[in-house]
Amino acid sequence: MSTMTVRMSEQDAELVRKFAKFEGVTISDFARTAILEKIEDSYDLQELREAIAQDSGERFSIDEIISELDQ
């Protein structure tokens, strides 16, 4: 397992400590989760932009979808 160091002001570090304690997780778990969620959010945004670019604008009502599923 690798170790990473993050430099921040004492005020920010205290905020992280308090938030991690409030959430009931270690600082490492909190940081790991936050970093990975940020990466995932960025990937999701990229996927959304690609989907919007390829969107034909065609839409279906819920009744049309249910009808198609019943067949």
C-alpha atoms as a PDB file:
ATOM      1  CA  MET A   1       0.000   0.000   0.000  1.00  0.00           C
ATOM      2  CA  SER A   2       1.286   3.462  -0.901  1.00  0.00           C
ATOM      3  CA  THR A   3       1.438   6.502   1.325  1.00  0.00           C
ATOM      4  CA  MET A   4       0.642  10.004   0.066  1.00  0.00           C
ATOM      5  CA  THR A   5       1.200  13.315   1.792  1.00  0.00           C
ATOM      6  CA  VAL A   6      -1.171  16.247   1.427  1.00  0.00           C
ATOM      7  CA  ARG A   7      -0.073  19.708   2.472  1.00  0.00           C
ATOM      8  CA  MET A   8      -2.708  22.140   3.705  1.00  0.00           C
ATOM      9  CA  SER A   9      -3.127  24.939   6.165  1.00  0.00           C
ATOM     10  CA  GLU A  10      -3.662  24.050   9.802  1.00  0.00           C
ATOM     11  CA  GLN A  11      -7.169  25.483   9.555  1.00  0.00           C
ATOM     12  CA  ASP A  12      -8.023  23.175   6.632  1.00  0.00           C
ATOM     13  CA  ALA A  13      -6.388  20.207   8.372  1.00  0.00           C
ATOM     14  CA  GLU A  14      -8.495  20.794  11.475  1.00  0.00           C
ATOM     15  CA  LEU A  15     -11.632  20.956   9.348  1.00  0.00           C
ATOM     16  CA  VAL A  16     -10.716  17.608   7.755  1.00  0.00           C
ATOM     17  CA  ARG A  17     -10.012  16.054  11.162  1.00  0.00           C
ATOM     18  CA  LYS A  18     -13.347  17.239  12.558  1.00  0.00           C
ATOM     19  CA  PHE A  19     -15.310  16.145   9.523  1.00  0.00           C
ATOM     20  CA  ALA A  20     -13.714  12.688   9.454  1.00  0.00           C
ATOM     21  CA  LYS A  21     -14.452  12.295  13.165  1.00  0.00           C
ATOM     22  CA  PHE A  22     -18.045  13.441  12.635  1.00  0.00           C
ATOM     23  CA  GLU A  23     -18.441  10.866   9.840  1.00  0.00           C
ATOM     24  CA  GLY A  24     -16.854   8.181  12.007  1.00  0.00           C
ATOM     25  CA  VAL A  25     -14.041   7.405   9.578  1.00  0.00           C
ATOM     26  CA  THR A  26     -10.297   7.768   9.621  1.00  0.00           C
ATOM     27  CA  ILE A  27      -8.696  10.685   7.830  1.00  0.00           C
ATOM     28  CA  SER A  28      -7.203   8.193   5.368  1.00  0.00           C
ATOM     29  CA  ASP A  29     -10.596   6.670   4.604  1.00  0.00           C
ATOM     30  CA  PHE A  30     -12.158  10.099   4.229  1.00  0.00           C
ATOM     31  CA  ALA A  31      -9.400  11.332   1.887  1.00  0.00           C
ATOM     32  CA  ARG A  32      -9.413   8.121  -0.176  1.00  0.00           C
ATOM     33  CA  THR A  33     -13.184   8.262  -0.634  1.00  0.00           C
ATOM     34  CA  ALA A  34     -13.174  11.961  -1.517  1.00  0.00           C
ATOM     35  CA  ILE A  35     -10.385  11.553  -4.069  1.00  0.00           C
ATOM     36  CA  LEU A  36     -11.975   8.534  -5.743  1.00  0.00           C
ATOM     37  CA  GLU A  37     -15.396  10.210  -5.823  1.00  0.00           C
ATOM     38  CA  LYS A  38     -13.834  13.240  -7.517  1.00  0.00           C
ATOM     39  CA  ILE A  39     -12.289  11.001 -10.185  1.00  0.00           C
ATOM     40  CA  GLU A  40     -15.593   9.184 -10.672  1.00  0.00           C
ATOM     41  CA  ASP A  41     -17.496  12.484 -10.954  1.00  0.00           C
ATOM     42  CA  SER A  42     -15.073  13.673 -13.618  1.00  0.00           C
ATOM     43  CA  TYR A  43     -15.501  10.426 -15.566  1.00  0.00           C
ATOM     44  CA  ASP A  44     -19.308  10.642 -15.241  1.00  0.00           C
ATOM     45  CA  LEU A  45     -19.261  14.217 -16.550  1.00  0.00           C
ATOM     46  CA  GLN A  46     -17.202  13.142 -19.549  1.00  0.00           C
ATOM     47  CA  GLU A  47     -19.672  10.309 -20.260  1.00  0.00           C
ATOM     48  CA  LEU A  48     -22.609  12.734 -19.964  1.00  0.00           C
ATOM     49  CA  ARG A  49     -21.034  15.185 -22.410  1.00  0.00           C
ATOM     50  CA  GLU A  50     -20.484  12.379 -24.914  1.00  0.00           C
ATOM     51  CA  ALA A  51     -24.074  11.156 -24.504  1.00  0.00           C
ATOM     52  CA  ILE A  52     -25.445  14.676 -25.018  1.00  0.00           C
ATOM     53  CA  ALA A  53     -23.335  15.081 -28.156  1.00  0.00           C
ATOM     54  CA  GLN A  54     -24.773  11.845 -29.568  1.00  0.00           C
ATOM     55  CA  ASP A  55     -28.379  12.493 -28.465  1.00  0.00           C
ATOM     56  CA  SER A  56     -30.829  12.404 -31.383  1.00  0.00           C
ATOM     57  CA  GLY A  57     -33.515  14.179 -29.384  1.00  0.00           C
ATOM     58  CA  GLU A  58     -35.926  11.249 -29.717  1.00  0.00           C
ATOM     59  CA  ARG A  59     -38.014  10.723 -26.588  1.00  0.00           C
ATOM     60  CA  PHE A  60     -40.516   8.078 -25.521  1.00  0.00           C
ATOM     61  CA  SER A  61     -43.427   8.297 -23.113  1.00  0.00           C
ATOM     62  CA  ILE A  62     -43.703   5.835 -20.258  1.00  0.00           C
ATOM     63  CA  ASP A  63     -46.755   4.318 -21.977  1.00  0.00           C
ATOM     64  CA  GLU A  64     -44.722   3.690 -25.134  1.00  0.00           C
ATOM     65  CA  ILE A  65     -42.006   1.996 -23.130  1.00  0.00           C
ATOM     66  CA  ILE A  66     -44.444  -0.209 -21.217  1.00  0.00           C
ATOM     67  CA  SER A  67     -46.200  -1.117 -24.443  1.00  0.00           C
ATOM     68  CA  GLU A  68     -42.891  -2.112 -26.005  1.00  0.00           C
ATOM     69  CA  LEU A  69     -41.988  -4.233 -22.980  1.00  0.00           C
ATOM     70  CA  ASP A  70     -45.345  -6.036 -23.034  1.00  0.00           C
ATOM     71  CA  GLN A  71     -44.752  -7.309 -26.567  1.00  0.00           C
END
